[in-house]
Amino acid sequence: MLRARFVRHLASLFALLFLVLAPRLAQAEPGDELTVYVITFGPGDHPFYKFGHDAIWIHDAAAPPRDPLQRDPVYNFGTFAFGDPALIPKFVQGRFLYWLSIQSIGMTKRIYQSENRSVNAQKLNLTAAQKLALKDALDENALEENKHYKYDYYRDNCATRVRDAIDKAIGGKLKEASQAPASMTWRHHTLRLTADDTVLSLALSVVMGNVIDRPLNQWEEMFLPAYVEEGLRRVKVPGPNGTEVPLVQSEEALVTARGRAPLRTETPSWGIWHLLTGLVLGGAFFALGRSAKTSLPARIGLGILLFIAGFVSILGVLFLFVWTGTDHEVGYHNENILQLWPPCVALMGFCFGVARLKPRAISRARLLVTSAAIASAFGLVWKVLPWMRQDNYWFIAFALPMWAGATLGLRALEQALGKPTPGARTTKKKAPKAAATKPAEATSKDEPEPVTAGEA
């Protein structure tokens, strides 16, 4: 009897569970088992990690728990090979390939924790169909024949790929919500995020042209992972009952970085330091040029400065190569070519003749630095043209005083060499000897007539 009662109670329990779960089972759709997260990784110490990183994590509740790659795949668009023998040539030519790789969330967290980089996850409010379509698209993209893409610093990187994938999944709503003006240009963001490494920051700013100085909108600003994270918070999507709800359902810190300073919010201001450096170099050129005729140390110093100026001008040749011989669009139309005038590379040859006070070397070196000063001044004057928008005033503040001082210094040296050196021994030139002439014989007209005795 007890057994019969137990069976009846068990049957009632199963019936109750069926009544509760049946509506939910009936409403289940393919994709309901998926949860989509956008992961934002904080910046690291290596130059490649200064800008942060983005990825998409999809949790599949239906996948086997013992298979972390199937249950919790992280889709990473920022994969490249340090060991590739063609790494340097491809990078120089602007044809560097990145690819989409997949690893588990557990492995991802361990890697970034070891690098002391933060990992934040945003859970997205997507429909089952949107989640399934997103996962299918990512899996298709991860196939060997589809996974590679040509990396672009600002237009096609790990962050823009994540941005585009989410925007496609939600029908363009992310782009629609990101048309307001951006807070900074690409250049200013680059300087801001690399300011702690002065050499890297200066190198990136000098080598890139005016492409990165145009005004942006928030969509273009999402080349940075932190701005993808911020942009997702702005988006509203239709909820289950038709009302709009935030795209970001919740946020969670998976890994917290220890001891990292907060990111800069402003670009560094270097203009005054570049101006002072240019004035010091220009003043040194002028002072050494004025003293070079009578001072051996001044001649050596002037030669060294000219050699350095010629060596630095190799960058101008590099800028031309980047513009004409590579796919680095960010290096096209670089106005700094006018500030590091390529012909001045020849100064590395003329500097030795200048130090030895060779008039021809001095004259040619002066012509080169004069042309560089004119080019630098032209680069400043033509800023009035609307299409000359490169933000390189700080570099003009360095280059123009330097070339102007070099011009004045070599001109002073030329003028000094045209005058006798004070205190130098001089030899008096002998007057030319008069031509020897045979005394003319007296003529009968010039001689007095002989006097004859007896005549009166």
Protein backbone atom coordinates (compact mmCIF):
# COMPACT_ATOMS: atom_id res chain seq x y z
CA MET A 1 0.00 0.00 0.00
CA LEU A 2 2.80 2.35 0.85
CA ARG A 3 4.43 1.47 -2.42
CA ALA A 4 1.26 2.32 -4.34
CA ARG A 5 0.99 5.67 -2.59
CA PHE A 6 4.64 6.45 -3.38
CA VAL A 7 4.08 5.67 -7.05
CA ARG A 8 1.03 7.94 -7.15
CA HIS A 9 2.96 10.81 -5.53
CA LEU A 10 5.86 10.36 -7.91
CA ALA A 11 3.50 10.38 -10.88
CA SER A 12 1.89 13.57 -9.59
CA LEU A 13 5.30 15.19 -9.21
CA PHE A 14 6.26 14.35 -12.78
CA ALA A 15 2.94 15.68 -14.02
CA LEU A 16 3.48 18.93 -12.15
CA LEU A 17 6.99 19.30 -13.54
CA PHE A 18 5.69 18.68 -17.03
CA LEU A 19 3.02 21.35 -16.64
CA VAL A 20 5.63 23.85 -15.46
CA LEU A 21 8.34 23.06 -18.01
CA ALA A 22 6.23 22.27 -21.05
CA PRO A 23 5.58 25.92 -22.03
CA ARG A 24 9.26 26.70 -21.72
CA LEU A 25 10.27 23.64 -23.73
CA ALA A 26 7.73 24.57 -26.37
CA GLN A 27 9.17 28.10 -26.54
CA ALA A 28 12.83 27.00 -26.77
CA GLU A 29 14.52 27.99 -30.04
CA PRO A 30 17.87 27.11 -31.57
CA GLY A 31 20.30 29.60 -30.10
CA ASP A 32 18.65 29.86 -26.68
CA GLU A 33 21.48 27.76 -25.30
CA LEU A 34 24.01 30.44 -26.33
CA THR A 35 25.18 33.47 -24.34
CA VAL A 36 27.22 36.14 -26.12
CA TYR A 37 29.83 38.34 -24.45
CA VAL A 38 32.12 41.02 -25.83
CA ILE A 39 35.44 40.91 -24.00
CA THR A 40 37.60 44.02 -23.64
CA PHE A 41 41.23 43.56 -22.68
CA GLY A 42 43.19 46.40 -21.13
CA PRO A 43 46.52 47.67 -22.51
CA GLY A 44 49.80 45.91 -21.80
CA ASP A 45 53.49 46.78 -21.65
CA HIS A 46 54.60 45.67 -25.13
CA PRO A 47 54.23 48.30 -27.89
CA PHE A 48 51.79 45.99 -29.72
CA TYR A 49 49.56 45.92 -26.61
CA LYS A 50 49.33 49.68 -25.92
CA PHE A 51 45.87 50.01 -27.49
CA GLY A 52 44.14 47.07 -25.77
CA HIS A 53 42.30 44.21 -27.45
CA ASP A 54 38.80 42.86 -28.19
CA ALA A 55 37.24 39.44 -28.64
CA ILE A 56 33.85 37.68 -28.63
CA TRP A 57 33.10 34.89 -26.14
CA ILE A 58 30.11 32.61 -26.76
CA HIS A 59 29.03 30.26 -23.97
CA ASP A 60 27.21 27.16 -25.28
CA ALA A 61 25.26 25.54 -22.44
CA ALA A 62 24.46 22.52 -24.65
CA ALA A 63 28.12 21.68 -25.36
CA PRO A 64 29.92 19.02 -23.30
CA PRO A 65 31.36 20.53 -20.09
CA ARG A 66 34.60 18.62 -20.59
CA ASP A 67 35.23 20.31 -23.95
CA PRO A 68 36.08 23.94 -23.07
CA LEU A 69 36.80 24.88 -26.69
CA GLN A 70 33.24 23.89 -27.70
CA ARG A 71 31.52 25.09 -24.56
CA ASP A 72 33.30 28.46 -24.14
CA PRO A 73 35.08 29.51 -27.36
CA VAL A 74 36.68 32.96 -27.53
CA TYR A 75 36.92 34.35 -31.07
CA ASN A 76 40.12 36.38 -31.32
CA PHE A 77 40.78 38.53 -34.42
CA GLY A 78 44.17 39.71 -33.15
CA THR A 79 46.32 36.66 -33.91
CA PHE A 80 49.62 36.92 -35.78
CA ALA A 81 52.89 34.97 -35.87
CA PHE A 82 56.05 36.46 -34.38
CA GLY A 83 58.04 33.58 -35.86
CA ASP A 84 56.95 34.15 -39.46
CA PRO A 85 60.15 34.61 -41.57
CA ALA A 86 58.26 37.07 -43.76
CA LEU A 87 57.10 39.12 -40.77
CA ILE A 88 59.45 42.08 -41.31
CA PRO A 89 59.05 42.35 -45.12
CA LYS A 90 55.27 42.11 -44.86
CA PHE A 91 55.17 44.66 -42.07
CA VAL A 92 57.38 47.10 -44.00
CA GLN A 93 55.23 46.74 -47.11
CA GLY A 94 51.98 47.17 -45.17
CA ARG A 95 50.80 43.67 -46.06
CA PHE A 96 50.88 42.13 -42.62
CA LEU A 97 48.24 39.40 -42.14
CA TYR A 98 46.28 38.79 -38.96
CA TRP A 99 43.76 36.01 -38.53
CA LEU A 100 40.81 34.82 -36.47
CA SER A 101 41.71 32.14 -33.94
CA ILE A 102 39.66 30.33 -31.29
CA GLN A 103 40.70 29.45 -27.75
CA SER A 104 38.83 28.70 -24.54
CA ILE A 105 37.82 31.35 -22.03
CA GLY A 106 39.89 29.62 -19.36
CA MET A 107 43.07 29.79 -21.44
CA THR A 108 42.32 33.40 -22.38
CA LYS A 109 41.96 34.48 -18.76
CA ARG A 110 45.21 32.76 -17.76
CA ILE A 111 47.18 34.44 -20.57
CA TYR A 112 45.99 37.94 -19.77
CA GLN A 113 46.31 37.44 -16.04
CA SER A 114 49.97 36.51 -16.56
CA GLU A 115 50.44 39.79 -18.48
CA ASN A 116 48.65 41.77 -15.74
CA ARG A 117 46.02 43.00 -18.16
CA SER A 118 42.39 43.58 -17.26
CA VAL A 119 39.62 41.47 -18.83
CA ASN A 120 36.03 42.78 -18.80
CA ALA A 121 33.00 40.95 -20.21
CA GLN A 122 29.76 42.54 -21.45
CA LYS A 123 26.80 40.16 -21.72
CA LEU A 124 24.69 41.10 -24.73
CA ASN A 125 20.91 41.10 -24.91
CA LEU A 126 20.44 39.23 -28.21
CA THR A 127 17.62 37.07 -29.50
CA ALA A 128 18.18 33.35 -30.05
CA ALA A 129 18.26 33.87 -33.81
CA GLN A 130 20.80 36.70 -33.52
CA LYS A 131 23.07 34.62 -31.28
CA LEU A 132 22.92 31.62 -33.58
CA ALA A 133 23.58 33.72 -36.68
CA LEU A 134 26.54 35.39 -34.98
CA LYS A 135 28.08 32.07 -33.95
CA ASP A 136 27.59 30.59 -37.42
CA ALA A 137 29.22 33.64 -39.01
CA LEU A 138 32.20 33.46 -36.65
CA ASP A 139 32.68 29.74 -37.23
CA GLU A 140 32.58 30.34 -40.98
CA ASN A 141 35.08 33.18 -40.64
CA ALA A 142 37.42 30.93 -38.61
CA LEU A 143 37.82 28.39 -41.42
CA GLU A 144 41.33 28.14 -42.82
CA GLU A 145 40.36 29.65 -46.16
CA ASN A 146 38.57 32.61 -44.53
CA LYS A 147 40.46 33.46 -41.36
CA HIS A 148 43.23 35.75 -42.69
CA TYR A 149 42.84 39.47 -43.30
CA LYS A 150 45.19 42.37 -44.07
CA TYR A 151 45.62 44.33 -40.90
CA ASP A 152 45.04 48.10 -40.84
CA TYR A 153 45.86 50.12 -37.73
CA TYR A 154 42.68 52.18 -37.76
CA ARG A 155 40.20 50.70 -40.24
CA ASP A 156 40.52 46.93 -39.92
CA ASN A 157 41.84 45.53 -36.64
CA CYS A 158 40.74 43.29 -33.77
CA ALA A 159 38.36 45.95 -32.42
CA THR A 160 36.72 46.95 -35.72
CA ARG A 161 36.15 43.27 -36.57
CA VAL A 162 34.29 42.74 -33.29
CA ARG A 163 32.38 46.00 -33.82
CA ASP A 164 31.31 44.95 -37.32
CA ALA A 165 30.27 41.44 -36.24
CA ILE A 166 28.02 42.74 -33.45
CA ASP A 167 26.62 45.51 -35.66
CA LYS A 168 25.66 42.98 -38.31
CA ALA A 169 24.01 40.74 -35.71
CA ILE A 170 21.76 43.56 -34.45
CA GLY A 171 20.87 44.98 -37.86
CA GLY A 172 23.16 48.03 -37.95
CA LYS A 173 21.98 49.58 -34.69
CA LEU A 174 25.51 50.02 -33.33
CA LYS A 175 26.57 52.09 -36.33
CA GLU A 176 23.31 54.01 -36.21
CA ALA A 177 23.97 54.97 -32.59
CA SER A 178 27.58 56.00 -33.29
CA GLN A 179 27.32 58.91 -35.71
CA ALA A 180 28.12 61.70 -33.25
CA PRO A 181 31.54 63.42 -33.50
CA ALA A 182 34.41 61.56 -31.87
CA SER A 183 36.35 62.97 -28.94
CA MET A 184 39.71 62.95 -30.79
CA THR A 185 41.39 62.22 -34.09
CA TRP A 186 43.26 59.00 -34.74
CA ARG A 187 46.55 60.84 -34.20
CA HIS A 188 45.56 62.26 -30.83
CA HIS A 189 44.41 58.86 -29.59
CA THR A 190 47.71 57.35 -30.76
CA LEU A 191 49.74 59.98 -28.92
CA ARG A 192 47.58 59.66 -25.82
CA LEU A 193 47.98 55.90 -25.52
CA THR A 194 51.73 55.81 -26.27
CA ALA A 195 52.75 58.88 -24.27
CA ASP A 196 54.56 56.78 -21.64
CA ASP A 197 56.98 55.61 -24.37
CA THR A 198 58.29 58.90 -25.78
CA VAL A 199 60.39 57.38 -28.57
CA LEU A 200 57.52 55.19 -29.81
CA SER A 201 55.05 58.04 -29.59
CA LEU A 202 57.26 60.45 -31.54
CA ALA A 203 58.12 57.82 -34.16
CA LEU A 204 54.46 56.97 -34.79
CA SER A 205 53.45 60.60 -35.03
CA VAL A 206 56.29 61.60 -37.39
CA VAL A 207 55.94 58.67 -39.80
CA MET A 208 52.16 58.95 -40.28
CA GLY A 209 50.63 61.44 -42.69
CA ASN A 210 47.53 63.60 -42.73
CA VAL A 211 45.12 60.65 -43.11
CA ILE A 212 44.95 60.31 -39.32
CA ASP A 213 44.15 63.99 -38.71
CA ARG A 214 40.69 64.26 -40.21
CA PRO A 215 37.64 64.56 -37.92
CA LEU A 216 36.05 61.24 -36.93
CA ASN A 217 32.71 60.02 -35.70
CA GLN A 218 32.17 57.57 -32.84
CA TRP A 219 31.94 54.63 -35.27
CA GLU A 220 35.46 55.30 -36.56
CA GLU A 221 36.69 55.94 -33.03
CA MET A 222 35.87 52.33 -32.24
CA PHE A 223 39.21 51.26 -33.66
CA LEU A 224 40.02 51.24 -29.94
CA PRO A 225 38.58 48.38 -27.83
CA ALA A 226 37.67 50.73 -24.99
CA TYR A 227 35.44 52.71 -27.37
CA VAL A 228 33.74 49.53 -28.61
CA GLU A 229 32.94 48.80 -24.97
CA GLU A 230 31.59 52.33 -24.56
CA GLY A 231 29.68 52.22 -27.84
CA LEU A 232 27.85 49.02 -26.91
CA ARG A 233 26.47 50.77 -23.83
CA ARG A 234 24.76 53.38 -26.03
CA VAL A 235 22.73 50.89 -28.05
CA LYS A 236 19.09 49.99 -27.42
CA VAL A 237 17.47 46.90 -28.95
CA PRO A 238 13.85 45.60 -29.00
CA GLY A 239 12.99 43.54 -25.92
CA PRO A 240 10.66 40.51 -25.65
CA ASN A 241 7.55 42.69 -25.36
CA GLY A 242 8.59 45.20 -28.02
CA THR A 243 9.96 47.89 -25.73
CA GLU A 244 13.60 48.96 -26.12
CA VAL A 245 16.14 47.56 -23.70
CA PRO A 246 19.92 48.12 -23.40
CA LEU A 247 22.05 45.91 -25.63
CA VAL A 248 24.41 45.34 -22.68
CA GLN A 249 22.52 43.20 -20.21
CA SER A 250 25.30 43.07 -17.59
CA GLU A 251 29.04 43.61 -17.17
CA GLU A 252 31.63 41.62 -15.22
CA ALA A 253 35.35 41.97 -14.50
CA LEU A 254 36.94 38.60 -15.24
CA VAL A 255 40.53 39.71 -14.51
CA THR A 256 41.67 42.84 -12.69
CA ALA A 257 45.06 44.37 -13.48
CA ARG A 258 47.17 45.23 -10.47
CA GLY A 259 49.14 48.44 -10.11
CA ARG A 260 48.44 49.88 -13.56
CA ALA A 261 48.06 53.63 -13.86
CA PRO A 262 44.78 54.85 -15.37
CA LEU A 263 44.84 55.63 -19.08
CA ARG A 264 45.61 59.19 -20.12
CA THR A 265 42.62 61.20 -21.27
CA GLU A 266 44.59 64.03 -22.94
CA THR A 267 47.34 64.12 -25.55
CA PRO A 268 50.82 65.16 -24.40
CA SER A 269 51.92 68.72 -25.21
CA TRP A 270 55.40 68.75 -26.70
CA GLY A 271 55.32 71.91 -28.82
CA ILE A 272 57.41 74.12 -26.52
CA TRP A 273 60.08 71.43 -26.08
CA HIS A 274 60.43 70.92 -29.82
CA LEU A 275 60.68 74.67 -30.36
CA LEU A 276 63.39 75.00 -27.71
CA THR A 277 65.30 72.06 -29.21
CA GLY A 278 65.10 73.57 -32.69
CA LEU A 279 66.26 76.97 -31.40
CA VAL A 280 69.21 75.40 -29.57
CA LEU A 281 70.32 73.47 -32.67
CA GLY A 282 69.82 76.48 -34.93
CA GLY A 283 71.78 78.67 -32.51
CA ALA A 284 74.57 76.08 -32.37
CA PHE A 285 74.77 75.99 -36.18
CA PHE A 286 75.01 79.78 -36.32
CA ALA A 287 77.60 80.11 -33.55
CA LEU A 288 79.82 77.34 -34.93
CA GLY A 289 79.59 78.74 -38.45
CA ARG A 290 80.74 82.18 -37.30
CA SER A 291 83.71 80.72 -35.39
CA ALA A 292 84.70 77.92 -37.76
CA LYS A 293 87.30 79.95 -39.69
CA THR A 294 89.50 80.59 -36.66
CA SER A 295 88.57 77.64 -34.39
CA LEU A 296 89.32 73.99 -35.09
CA PRO A 297 86.81 72.75 -32.44
CA ALA A 298 84.13 74.91 -34.07
CA ARG A 299 84.89 73.39 -37.48
CA ILE A 300 84.66 69.87 -36.05
CA GLY A 301 81.42 70.70 -34.23
CA LEU A 302 79.90 72.20 -37.38
CA GLY A 303 80.84 69.11 -39.37
CA ILE A 304 79.28 66.84 -36.75
CA LEU A 305 76.04 68.82 -36.71
CA LEU A 306 75.83 68.71 -40.49
CA PHE A 307 76.40 64.97 -40.47
CA ILE A 308 73.60 64.51 -37.90
CA ALA A 309 71.24 66.71 -39.94
CA GLY A 310 72.00 64.64 -43.04
CA PHE A 311 71.51 61.39 -41.18
CA VAL A 312 68.13 62.48 -39.77
CA SER A 313 67.07 63.50 -43.29
CA ILE A 314 67.11 59.81 -44.18
CA LEU A 315 63.68 59.81 -42.53
CA GLY A 316 62.47 62.09 -45.30
CA VAL A 317 63.55 59.45 -47.82
CA LEU A 318 61.74 56.84 -45.70
CA PHE A 319 58.55 58.92 -45.77
CA LEU A 320 58.70 59.04 -49.56
CA PHE A 321 59.19 55.26 -49.69
CA VAL A 322 56.22 54.64 -47.37
CA TRP A 323 54.05 56.89 -49.56
CA THR A 324 55.08 55.48 -52.94
CA GLY A 325 56.20 51.91 -52.23
CA THR A 326 53.99 50.41 -49.52
CA ASP A 327 50.35 49.77 -48.60
CA HIS A 328 50.61 51.84 -45.41
CA GLU A 329 47.88 54.35 -46.23
CA VAL A 330 48.43 56.08 -42.89
CA GLY A 331 51.85 57.13 -44.21
CA TYR A 332 50.60 58.71 -47.43
CA HIS A 333 50.77 62.50 -48.01
CA ASN A 334 53.19 62.97 -45.11
CA GLU A 335 53.92 66.69 -44.87
CA ASN A 336 56.96 65.99 -42.71
CA ILE A 337 58.82 65.29 -45.96
CA LEU A 338 59.15 69.08 -46.14
CA GLN A 339 60.63 69.22 -42.64
CA LEU A 340 63.24 66.49 -43.17
CA TRP A 341 64.14 67.50 -46.71
CA PRO A 342 65.39 64.35 -48.52
CA PRO A 343 68.17 66.08 -50.58
CA CYS A 344 69.87 66.99 -47.29
CA VAL A 345 71.05 63.40 -47.00
CA ALA A 346 74.01 64.67 -49.06
CA LEU A 347 75.14 66.69 -46.03
CA MET A 348 76.70 63.49 -44.70
CA GLY A 349 79.19 63.76 -47.57
CA PHE A 350 79.76 67.52 -47.58
CA CYS A 351 80.28 67.77 -43.81
CA PHE A 352 83.92 66.63 -44.10
CA GLY A 353 84.74 69.29 -46.66
CA VAL A 354 83.03 71.93 -44.53
CA ALA A 355 85.16 70.94 -41.54
CA ARG A 356 88.26 71.38 -43.73
CA LEU A 357 87.02 74.79 -44.93
CA LYS A 358 86.70 73.69 -48.55
CA PRO A 359 84.82 76.51 -50.33
CA ARG A 360 82.99 74.22 -52.75
CA ALA A 361 81.73 71.94 -49.94
CA ILE A 362 80.65 74.95 -47.87
CA SER A 363 78.79 76.46 -50.82
CA ARG A 364 76.93 73.24 -51.63
CA ALA A 365 76.07 72.56 -48.01
CA ARG A 366 74.70 76.09 -47.70
CA LEU A 367 72.51 75.60 -50.77
CA LEU A 368 71.14 72.35 -49.29
CA VAL A 369 70.28 73.78 -45.87
CA THR A 370 68.82 76.90 -47.50
CA SER A 371 66.52 74.72 -49.63
CA ALA A 372 65.56 72.79 -46.47
CA ALA A 373 64.72 76.02 -44.64
CA ILE A 374 62.58 77.17 -47.57
CA ALA A 375 60.79 73.79 -47.71
CA SER A 376 60.14 73.89 -43.97
CA ALA A 377 58.76 77.44 -44.16
CA PHE A 378 56.60 76.43 -47.12
CA GLY A 379 55.22 73.56 -45.03
CA LEU A 380 54.09 76.11 -42.48
CA VAL A 381 52.71 78.69 -44.93
CA TRP A 382 50.62 76.27 -46.93
CA LYS A 383 48.66 75.33 -43.81
CA VAL A 384 46.20 77.96 -45.07
CA LEU A 385 45.09 75.45 -47.72
CA PRO A 386 42.06 73.46 -46.50
CA TRP A 387 43.42 70.05 -47.54
CA MET A 388 46.76 70.52 -45.72
CA ARG A 389 45.45 69.40 -42.35
CA GLN A 390 48.34 67.39 -40.91
CA ASP A 391 48.89 68.18 -37.25
CA ASN A 392 52.67 68.65 -37.37
CA TYR A 393 53.10 72.18 -36.03
CA TRP A 394 55.24 70.81 -33.22
CA PHE A 395 57.62 69.26 -35.76
CA ILE A 396 57.80 72.46 -37.80
CA ALA A 397 58.70 74.24 -34.55
CA PHE A 398 61.72 71.94 -34.35
CA ALA A 399 62.81 71.82 -38.00
CA LEU A 400 62.42 75.43 -39.15
CA PRO A 401 64.75 77.05 -36.53
CA MET A 402 67.31 74.31 -37.08
CA TRP A 403 67.51 74.75 -40.86
CA ALA A 404 67.39 78.53 -40.59
CA GLY A 405 70.29 78.52 -38.11
CA ALA A 406 72.29 76.19 -40.36
CA THR A 407 71.70 78.53 -43.32
CA LEU A 408 72.87 81.59 -41.39
CA GLY A 409 75.85 79.76 -39.94
CA LEU A 410 77.18 78.54 -43.30
CA ARG A 411 76.54 81.93 -44.87
CA ALA A 412 78.57 83.57 -42.08
CA LEU A 413 81.37 81.09 -42.70
CA GLU A 414 81.40 81.85 -46.42
CA GLN A 415 81.56 85.58 -45.72
CA ALA A 416 84.38 85.12 -43.22
CA LEU A 417 86.45 83.14 -45.70
CA GLY A 418 86.13 86.00 -48.17
CA LYS A 419 88.08 88.36 -45.80
CA PRO A 420 91.70 88.14 -44.55
CA THR A 421 92.02 86.50 -41.21
CA PRO A 422 92.88 89.01 -38.45
CA GLY A 423 96.53 88.66 -37.29
CA ALA A 424 97.62 86.54 -40.24
CA ARG A 425 101.03 87.25 -41.81
CA THR A 426 100.89 89.01 -45.13
CA THR A 427 103.65 89.44 -47.69
CA LYS A 428 104.13 92.71 -49.44
CA LYS A 429 104.01 92.38 -53.13
CA LYS A 430 107.03 93.77 -54.98
CA ALA A 431 106.41 96.47 -57.52
CA PRO A 432 106.93 95.26 -61.04
CA LYS A 433 110.29 96.17 -62.50
CA ALA A 434 110.28 98.92 -65.09
CA ALA A 435 111.09 97.74 -68.53
CA ALA A 436 114.70 98.48 -69.46
CA THR A 437 114.93 101.07 -72.24
CA LYS A 438 117.91 102.09 -74.30
CA PRO A 439 118.64 105.80 -73.87
CA ALA A 440 117.72 107.64 -76.97
CA GLU A 441 120.60 109.18 -78.91
CA ALA A 442 120.57 112.90 -79.13
CA THR A 443 119.47 114.24 -82.43
CA SER A 444 120.86 117.19 -84.21
CA LYS A 445 117.89 119.19 -83.06
CA ASP A 446 118.61 118.50 -79.42
CA GLU A 447 122.38 119.07 -79.35
CA PRO A 448 123.77 122.62 -79.09
CA GLU A 449 125.54 123.88 -82.14
CA PRO A 450 129.38 123.80 -81.79
CA VAL A 451 131.01 127.13 -81.23
CA THR A 452 133.87 128.00 -83.65
CA ALA A 453 136.73 130.06 -82.32
CA GLY A 454 136.98 133.55 -83.82
CA GLU A 455 133.40 133.95 -84.46
CA ALA A 456 131.55 136.48 -82.45
